[in-house]
């Protein structure tokens, strides 16, 4: 592939990611912002899979692909608004965890319905199969991009050499 092709594709990908992150879909978020909604959704998903209903802060940060400090700020805001409770095991050394409150569940459900209505219209026009294929391709792209970031970190640290 020629350098000009790579430059053109990388510029287009950067532009598309920019547009997606600045999407007008933000107008559909009134009481929650996007990271808060994602956090609540992950917490609810984890609770459904874990009999204790707990989501550990580190696990939340890992799933959101953000630093624990940033996840902590999001959780603190949600706790202050009564949308979740934040506690710890033992003396706190074993980790802190969050659980969704009834208020948090109601608020998340309301936001979920707004998004479902909007994306339902988008999917109806774009096509379900197209959407599924696009999401699968985006997931594959994220894996490759993260792999390249990991390789770049190895190179920067001078540890090992990527294949």
Protein backbone atom coordinates (compact mmCIF):
# COMPACT_ATOMS: atom_id res chain seq x y z
CA UNK A 1 0.00 0.00 0.00
CA UNK A 2 1.32 3.42 -0.90
CA UNK A 3 2.04 6.06 1.73
CA UNK A 4 -0.54 8.38 0.19
CA UNK A 5 -3.19 5.64 0.53
CA UNK A 6 -2.24 5.10 4.16
CA UNK A 7 -2.34 8.84 4.86
CA UNK A 8 -5.74 9.18 3.21
CA UNK A 9 -7.20 6.21 5.08
CA UNK A 10 -5.74 7.26 8.43
CA UNK A 11 -7.09 10.80 7.99
CA UNK A 12 -10.54 9.47 7.07
CA UNK A 13 -10.55 7.08 10.04
CA UNK A 14 -9.49 9.88 12.40
CA UNK A 15 -12.21 12.13 10.98
CA UNK A 16 -14.90 9.44 11.32
CA UNK A 17 -13.89 8.68 14.92
CA UNK A 18 -14.02 12.41 15.63
CA UNK A 19 -17.52 12.67 14.16
CA UNK A 20 -18.71 9.64 16.13
CA UNK A 21 -17.39 11.06 19.39
CA UNK A 22 -19.03 14.43 18.69
CA UNK A 23 -22.22 12.89 17.40
CA UNK A 24 -25.50 14.75 17.71
CA UNK A 25 -26.72 11.68 19.63
CA UNK A 26 -25.47 13.57 22.69
CA UNK A 27 -28.70 15.58 22.51
CA UNK A 28 -30.52 12.43 23.63
CA UNK A 29 -28.63 12.41 26.93
CA UNK A 30 -30.40 14.68 29.41
CA UNK A 31 -29.94 13.30 32.93
CA UNK A 32 -26.89 11.14 32.24
CA UNK A 33 -23.88 11.73 30.06
CA UNK A 34 -22.50 8.99 27.83
CA UNK A 35 -19.79 7.72 30.25
CA UNK A 36 -22.30 7.65 33.11
CA UNK A 37 -24.78 5.67 31.02
CA UNK A 38 -22.08 3.23 29.92
CA UNK A 39 -20.95 2.81 33.54
CA UNK A 40 -24.50 2.12 34.76
CA UNK A 41 -25.06 -0.34 31.94
CA UNK A 42 -21.84 -2.22 32.75
CA UNK A 43 -22.73 -2.26 36.45
CA UNK A 44 -26.17 -3.68 35.70
CA UNK A 45 -24.70 -6.28 33.31
CA UNK A 46 -22.12 -7.36 35.90
CA UNK A 47 -24.76 -7.56 38.63
CA UNK A 48 -26.87 -9.85 36.48
CA UNK A 49 -23.92 -12.21 36.04
CA UNK A 50 -22.67 -12.09 39.66
CA UNK A 51 -24.90 -13.30 42.53
CA UNK A 52 -23.43 -10.63 44.82
CA UNK A 53 -24.52 -7.90 42.41
CA UNK A 54 -21.15 -6.21 42.89
CA UNK A 55 -19.03 -4.51 40.26
CA UNK A 56 -15.51 -3.78 41.37
CA UNK A 57 -14.13 -0.38 40.45
CA UNK A 58 -11.11 -1.89 38.73
CA UNK A 59 -13.33 -4.16 36.62
CA UNK A 60 -15.49 -1.18 35.65
CA UNK A 61 -12.40 0.82 34.65
CA UNK A 62 -11.09 -2.12 32.62
CA UNK A 63 -14.40 -2.57 30.79
CA UNK A 64 -14.64 1.16 30.05
CA UNK A 65 -10.95 1.23 29.05
CA UNK A 66 -10.26 4.19 31.32
CA UNK A 67 -7.96 4.71 34.31
CA UNK A 68 -9.33 3.74 37.73
CA UNK A 69 -9.09 7.39 38.78
CA UNK A 70 -11.47 8.41 35.97
CA UNK A 71 -13.86 5.55 36.79
CA UNK A 72 -13.74 6.70 40.42
CA UNK A 73 -14.84 10.22 39.42
CA UNK A 74 -17.76 8.83 37.40
CA UNK A 75 -18.78 6.53 40.25
CA UNK A 76 -18.52 9.37 42.78
CA UNK A 77 -20.85 11.53 40.71
CA UNK A 78 -23.35 8.70 40.28
CA UNK A 79 -23.21 7.89 44.00
CA UNK A 80 -23.77 11.54 44.92
CA UNK A 81 -26.88 11.53 42.75
CA UNK A 82 -28.17 8.37 44.46
CA UNK A 83 -27.85 6.18 41.37
CA UNK A 84 -25.52 3.64 42.94
CA UNK A 85 -23.94 2.72 46.22
CA UNK A 86 -20.19 2.45 46.67
CA UNK A 87 -18.68 0.21 49.31
CA UNK A 88 -15.58 -1.89 49.99
CA UNK A 89 -14.55 -5.35 51.11
CA UNK A 90 -12.87 -5.62 54.49
CA UNK A 91 -10.76 -2.55 55.20
CA UNK A 92 -10.84 -1.50 51.54
CA UNK A 93 -7.57 -3.20 50.59
CA UNK A 94 -9.48 -5.96 48.83
CA UNK A 95 -11.17 -3.49 46.52
CA UNK A 96 -14.12 -1.20 46.30
CA UNK A 97 -17.30 -2.10 44.53
CA UNK A 98 -20.52 -0.50 43.39
CA UNK A 99 -24.11 -1.67 43.15
CA UNK A 100 -26.95 -0.07 41.24
CA UNK A 101 -29.74 1.50 43.30
CA UNK A 102 -33.39 1.34 42.30
CA UNK A 103 -33.17 5.02 41.33
CA UNK A 104 -30.13 4.27 39.17
CA UNK A 105 -31.91 1.41 37.50
CA UNK A 106 -34.95 3.58 36.72
CA UNK A 107 -32.78 6.38 35.34
CA UNK A 108 -30.75 3.99 33.22
CA UNK A 109 -33.93 2.36 31.86
CA UNK A 110 -35.30 5.77 30.87
CA UNK A 111 -32.09 6.63 29.02
CA UNK A 112 -32.02 3.19 27.46
CA UNK A 113 -35.53 3.70 26.08
CA UNK A 114 -34.60 7.06 24.53
CA UNK A 115 -31.58 5.46 22.83
CA UNK A 116 -33.60 2.44 21.77
CA UNK A 117 -36.14 4.71 20.07
CA UNK A 118 -33.45 6.72 18.28
CA UNK A 119 -31.26 3.79 17.25
CA UNK A 120 -34.37 1.80 16.30
CA UNK A 121 -35.07 4.41 13.63
CA UNK A 122 -31.42 4.44 12.54
CA UNK A 123 -31.30 0.64 12.28
CA UNK A 124 -34.59 0.56 10.37
CA UNK A 125 -33.08 2.88 7.74
CA UNK A 126 -29.54 1.46 7.71
CA UNK A 127 -30.55 -2.19 7.98
CA UNK A 128 -30.06 -4.64 10.81
CA UNK A 129 -27.58 -6.80 8.89
CA UNK A 130 -25.54 -3.73 7.93
CA UNK A 131 -25.48 -2.63 11.56
CA UNK A 132 -24.42 -6.06 12.82
CA UNK A 133 -21.68 -6.26 10.20
CA UNK A 134 -20.50 -2.71 10.96
CA UNK A 135 -20.33 -3.41 14.70
CA UNK A 136 -18.41 -6.64 14.14
CA UNK A 137 -15.95 -4.83 11.90
CA UNK A 138 -15.58 -2.00 14.43
CA UNK A 139 -14.86 -4.57 17.14
CA UNK A 140 -12.21 -6.21 14.94
CA UNK A 141 -10.68 -2.80 14.21
CA UNK A 142 -10.53 -1.98 17.94
CA UNK A 143 -8.69 -5.26 18.61
CA UNK A 144 -6.10 -4.46 15.93
CA UNK A 145 -5.74 -0.84 17.08
CA UNK A 146 -5.28 -1.89 20.72
CA UNK A 147 -2.75 -4.49 19.65
CA UNK A 148 -0.78 -1.83 17.81
CA UNK A 149 -0.93 0.47 20.83
CA UNK A 150 0.40 -2.37 23.00
CA UNK A 151 3.21 -2.94 20.52
CA UNK A 152 4.06 0.76 20.53
CA UNK A 153 4.25 0.70 24.34
CA UNK A 154 6.64 -2.25 24.18
CA UNK A 155 8.79 -0.36 21.70
CA UNK A 156 8.75 2.79 23.84
CA UNK A 157 9.67 0.86 26.97
CA UNK A 158 12.45 -0.92 25.15
CA UNK A 159 11.15 -4.23 26.48
CA UNK A 160 11.05 -7.01 23.95
CA UNK A 161 10.57 -6.49 20.28
CA UNK A 162 7.31 -6.94 18.46
CA UNK A 163 7.12 -9.57 15.78
